[in-house]
Amino acid sequence: QFSSPKVIDVELNDANFKRVFEKYIFKYGGEDDLIPKADVYGRVQQELFPKIKDRVNLNRTLTSHDFGNLFTPIEIDFIGINGMPVAGQTIDFEKKHYNLENDVARFVSLTKAIEMEGNQRGKYYVLGREPQRTTDQKNHQLWEHIRDSNFLDFVDVDEVGIVEDYIEKNDVRPFFTE
């Protein structure tokens, strides 16, 4: 998935190049600087959370007290609002299929409960990595369905800058103000 080219009006120097490279492509530097690819949760927490922490509620457990149509508690990575709800959940597509289906079903259930509460659509991100096709075909098919869905936006953990940009550009604020 590629977006249209963007004009960047900044002075061309090493510092700006590194910043743009890290924001849109990958962490800049040698192999020692890289975070292990296998830990999708750690990647999201280290690379995205510090950049969005003032604009959303992070690592929150939501219950029926928060959304009346939510049947069971669910832990969410982040939730905010900008006229419409914005939420994201990291999902490890390499886990056992039963557990993966449970994680996805719970997140979809949450999105529907949020939308029923405010009677409006939201922006919902699934953060993760494409699973190996050879490891588990069912997991790969589920990943493809999420990637191609109309109501969930799949973002690879190497591209979390997409989420950061959306949150910043659309002035997302924390959903809960307590």
Protein backbone atom coordinates (compact mmCIF):
# COMPACT_ATOMS: atom_id res chain seq x y z
CA GLN A 1 0.00 0.00 0.00
CA PHE A 2 1.44 3.30 -1.07
CA SER A 3 0.15 6.81 -0.58
CA SER A 4 0.61 9.57 -3.11
CA PRO A 5 3.97 11.40 -3.05
CA LYS A 6 4.28 14.33 -0.64
CA VAL A 7 6.32 17.49 -0.96
CA ILE A 8 8.48 18.08 2.10
CA ASP A 9 9.59 21.67 2.51
CA VAL A 10 12.62 21.30 4.80
CA GLU A 11 16.28 22.02 4.40
CA LEU A 12 18.17 19.01 3.05
CA ASN A 13 20.73 17.95 5.65
CA ASP A 14 21.69 14.77 7.47
CA ALA A 15 19.51 15.43 10.54
CA ASN A 16 16.37 16.12 8.49
CA PHE A 17 17.03 13.16 6.21
CA LYS A 18 17.33 10.83 9.22
CA ARG A 19 14.13 12.18 10.77
CA VAL A 20 12.10 11.78 7.56
CA PHE A 21 13.62 8.35 6.89
CA GLU A 22 12.66 7.10 10.37
CA LYS A 23 9.17 8.56 10.15
CA TYR A 24 8.25 7.07 6.77
CA ILE A 25 10.57 4.13 6.12
CA PHE A 26 12.42 2.45 8.99
CA LYS A 27 14.54 3.10 12.06
CA TYR A 28 17.79 4.62 10.85
CA GLY A 29 21.10 3.05 11.83
CA GLY A 30 22.93 -0.24 11.94
CA GLU A 31 21.75 -3.66 13.00
CA ASP A 32 22.54 -2.92 16.65
CA ASP A 33 19.91 -0.16 16.67
CA LEU A 34 17.09 -2.36 15.46
CA ILE A 35 14.43 -3.72 17.76
CA PRO A 36 13.80 -7.46 17.24
CA LYS A 37 11.15 -7.99 14.56
CA ALA A 38 9.37 -10.79 16.40
CA ASP A 39 8.05 -8.65 19.26
CA VAL A 40 5.22 -6.67 17.67
CA TYR A 41 3.94 -5.46 21.03
CA GLY A 42 7.36 -4.12 22.05
CA ARG A 43 7.78 -2.37 18.71
CA VAL A 44 4.47 -0.54 19.04
CA GLN A 45 5.09 0.40 22.67
CA GLN A 46 8.61 1.71 21.98
CA GLU A 47 8.06 3.39 18.63
CA LEU A 48 4.46 4.66 18.69
CA PHE A 49 3.33 5.10 22.28
CA PRO A 50 5.84 7.83 23.26
CA LYS A 51 4.78 9.88 20.22
CA ILE A 52 1.02 9.68 20.83
CA LYS A 53 0.84 9.48 24.64
CA ASP A 54 -0.45 13.07 25.05
CA ARG A 55 -3.13 12.68 22.37
CA VAL A 56 -4.83 9.39 23.35
CA ASN A 57 -5.55 7.15 26.32
CA LEU A 58 -2.96 4.35 26.35
CA ASN A 59 -3.25 0.78 27.67
CA ARG A 60 -6.76 1.11 29.01
CA THR A 61 -9.16 -1.63 30.05
CA LEU A 62 -12.63 -0.78 28.77
CA THR A 63 -15.78 -2.20 30.35
CA SER A 64 -19.55 -1.86 30.08
CA HIS A 65 -19.20 1.23 32.31
CA ASP A 66 -17.36 2.92 29.43
CA PHE A 67 -19.57 1.57 26.61
CA GLY A 68 -22.95 0.06 27.48
CA ASN A 69 -22.91 -2.51 24.66
CA LEU A 70 -19.53 -3.94 25.62
CA PHE A 71 -20.16 -7.39 27.06
CA THR A 72 -16.75 -8.23 28.46
CA PRO A 73 -13.77 -6.10 29.47
CA ILE A 74 -11.15 -5.54 26.77
CA GLU A 75 -7.68 -4.08 27.00
CA ILE A 76 -7.06 -1.54 24.26
CA ASP A 77 -3.70 -0.11 23.18
CA PHE A 78 -5.01 3.39 22.52
CA ILE A 79 -8.26 5.30 22.16
CA GLY A 80 -8.94 8.91 21.30
CA ILE A 81 -11.48 11.14 19.60
CA ASN A 82 -11.50 13.89 16.98
CA GLY A 83 -15.19 14.17 16.22
CA MET A 84 -15.17 10.41 15.73
CA PRO A 85 -13.59 7.65 17.81
CA VAL A 86 -10.01 6.58 16.97
CA ALA A 87 -8.68 3.35 18.47
CA GLY A 88 -5.89 0.87 17.87
CA GLN A 89 -4.95 -2.61 18.94
CA THR A 90 -1.71 -4.54 18.43
CA ILE A 91 -2.33 -8.12 17.35
CA ASP A 92 0.27 -10.87 17.02
CA PHE A 93 -0.76 -12.84 13.94
CA GLU A 94 1.76 -15.59 14.74
CA LYS A 95 -0.09 -16.82 17.85
CA LYS A 96 -2.34 -19.88 17.96
CA HIS A 97 -5.32 -19.45 15.67
CA TYR A 98 -7.93 -19.78 18.44
CA ASN A 99 -6.27 -17.01 20.47
CA LEU A 100 -5.86 -14.86 17.37
CA GLU A 101 -9.55 -15.21 16.49
CA ASN A 102 -10.44 -14.29 20.07
CA ASP A 103 -8.28 -11.13 19.96
CA VAL A 104 -9.77 -10.04 16.64
CA ALA A 105 -13.36 -10.79 17.69
CA ARG A 106 -12.93 -8.83 20.92
CA PHE A 107 -11.54 -5.81 19.06
CA VAL A 108 -14.33 -5.91 16.46
CA SER A 109 -16.86 -6.21 19.31
CA LEU A 110 -15.32 -3.13 20.89
CA THR A 111 -15.52 -1.13 17.64
CA LYS A 112 -19.21 -1.96 17.32
CA ALA A 113 -19.91 -1.06 20.96
CA ILE A 114 -18.15 2.29 20.48
CA GLU A 115 -20.10 3.02 17.31
CA MET A 116 -23.44 2.07 18.87
CA GLU A 117 -22.73 4.37 21.81
CA GLY A 118 -22.06 7.45 19.70
CA ASN A 119 -24.08 6.41 16.63
CA GLN A 120 -21.12 7.15 14.34
CA ARG A 121 -18.32 5.39 12.48
CA GLY A 122 -14.78 5.51 13.80
CA LYS A 123 -11.20 5.00 12.67
CA TYR A 124 -9.84 1.68 13.94
CA TYR A 125 -6.27 0.45 13.54
CA VAL A 126 -4.95 -3.09 13.80
CA LEU A 127 -1.18 -2.99 14.29
CA GLY A 128 0.80 -6.11 13.52
CA ARG A 129 2.88 -8.00 11.01
CA GLU A 130 1.90 -10.29 8.15
CA PRO A 131 2.16 -13.88 9.36
CA GLN A 132 4.19 -16.51 7.55
CA ARG A 133 2.01 -18.23 4.99
CA THR A 134 3.78 -21.51 5.66
CA THR A 135 3.29 -21.41 9.45
CA ASP A 136 -0.49 -21.23 9.57
CA GLN A 137 -2.71 -20.70 6.53
CA LYS A 138 -5.71 -19.79 8.71
CA ASN A 139 -3.80 -16.97 10.39
CA HIS A 140 -2.68 -15.63 7.03
CA GLN A 141 -6.25 -15.71 5.71
CA LEU A 142 -7.49 -13.82 8.78
CA TRP A 143 -4.71 -11.26 8.31
CA GLU A 144 -5.74 -10.84 4.64
CA HIS A 145 -9.38 -10.27 5.65
CA ILE A 146 -8.35 -7.59 8.12
CA ARG A 147 -5.97 -5.97 5.64
CA ASP A 148 -8.74 -5.83 3.02
CA SER A 149 -11.61 -4.85 5.35
CA ASN A 150 -13.56 -1.61 5.05
CA PHE A 151 -13.78 -0.79 8.74
CA LEU A 152 -10.33 -1.79 10.09
CA ASP A 153 -7.06 -0.25 8.92
CA PHE A 154 -4.15 -2.68 9.10
CA VAL A 155 -0.76 -1.01 9.76
CA ASP A 156 2.48 -2.97 9.78
CA VAL A 157 4.57 -2.37 12.91
CA ASP A 158 7.33 -1.01 10.65
CA GLU A 159 4.95 1.73 9.48
CA VAL A 160 3.45 3.03 12.75
CA GLY A 161 4.29 6.55 11.57
CA ILE A 162 1.03 6.32 9.60
CA VAL A 163 -0.93 6.18 12.85
CA GLU A 164 1.16 8.91 14.45
CA ASP A 165 0.59 11.18 11.43
CA TYR A 166 -3.17 10.58 11.45
CA ILE A 167 -3.44 11.32 15.16
CA GLU A 168 -1.38 14.50 14.87
CA LYS A 169 -2.88 15.75 11.60
CA ASN A 170 -6.47 15.21 12.78
CA ASP A 171 -5.90 16.67 16.26
CA VAL A 172 -6.97 13.51 18.09
CA ARG A 173 -7.48 14.01 21.82
CA PRO A 174 -7.88 11.49 24.66
CA PHE A 175 -11.30 9.82 24.68
CA PHE A 176 -11.47 9.82 28.48
CA THR A 177 -10.48 12.93 30.44
CA GLU A 178 -10.42 11.64 34.04
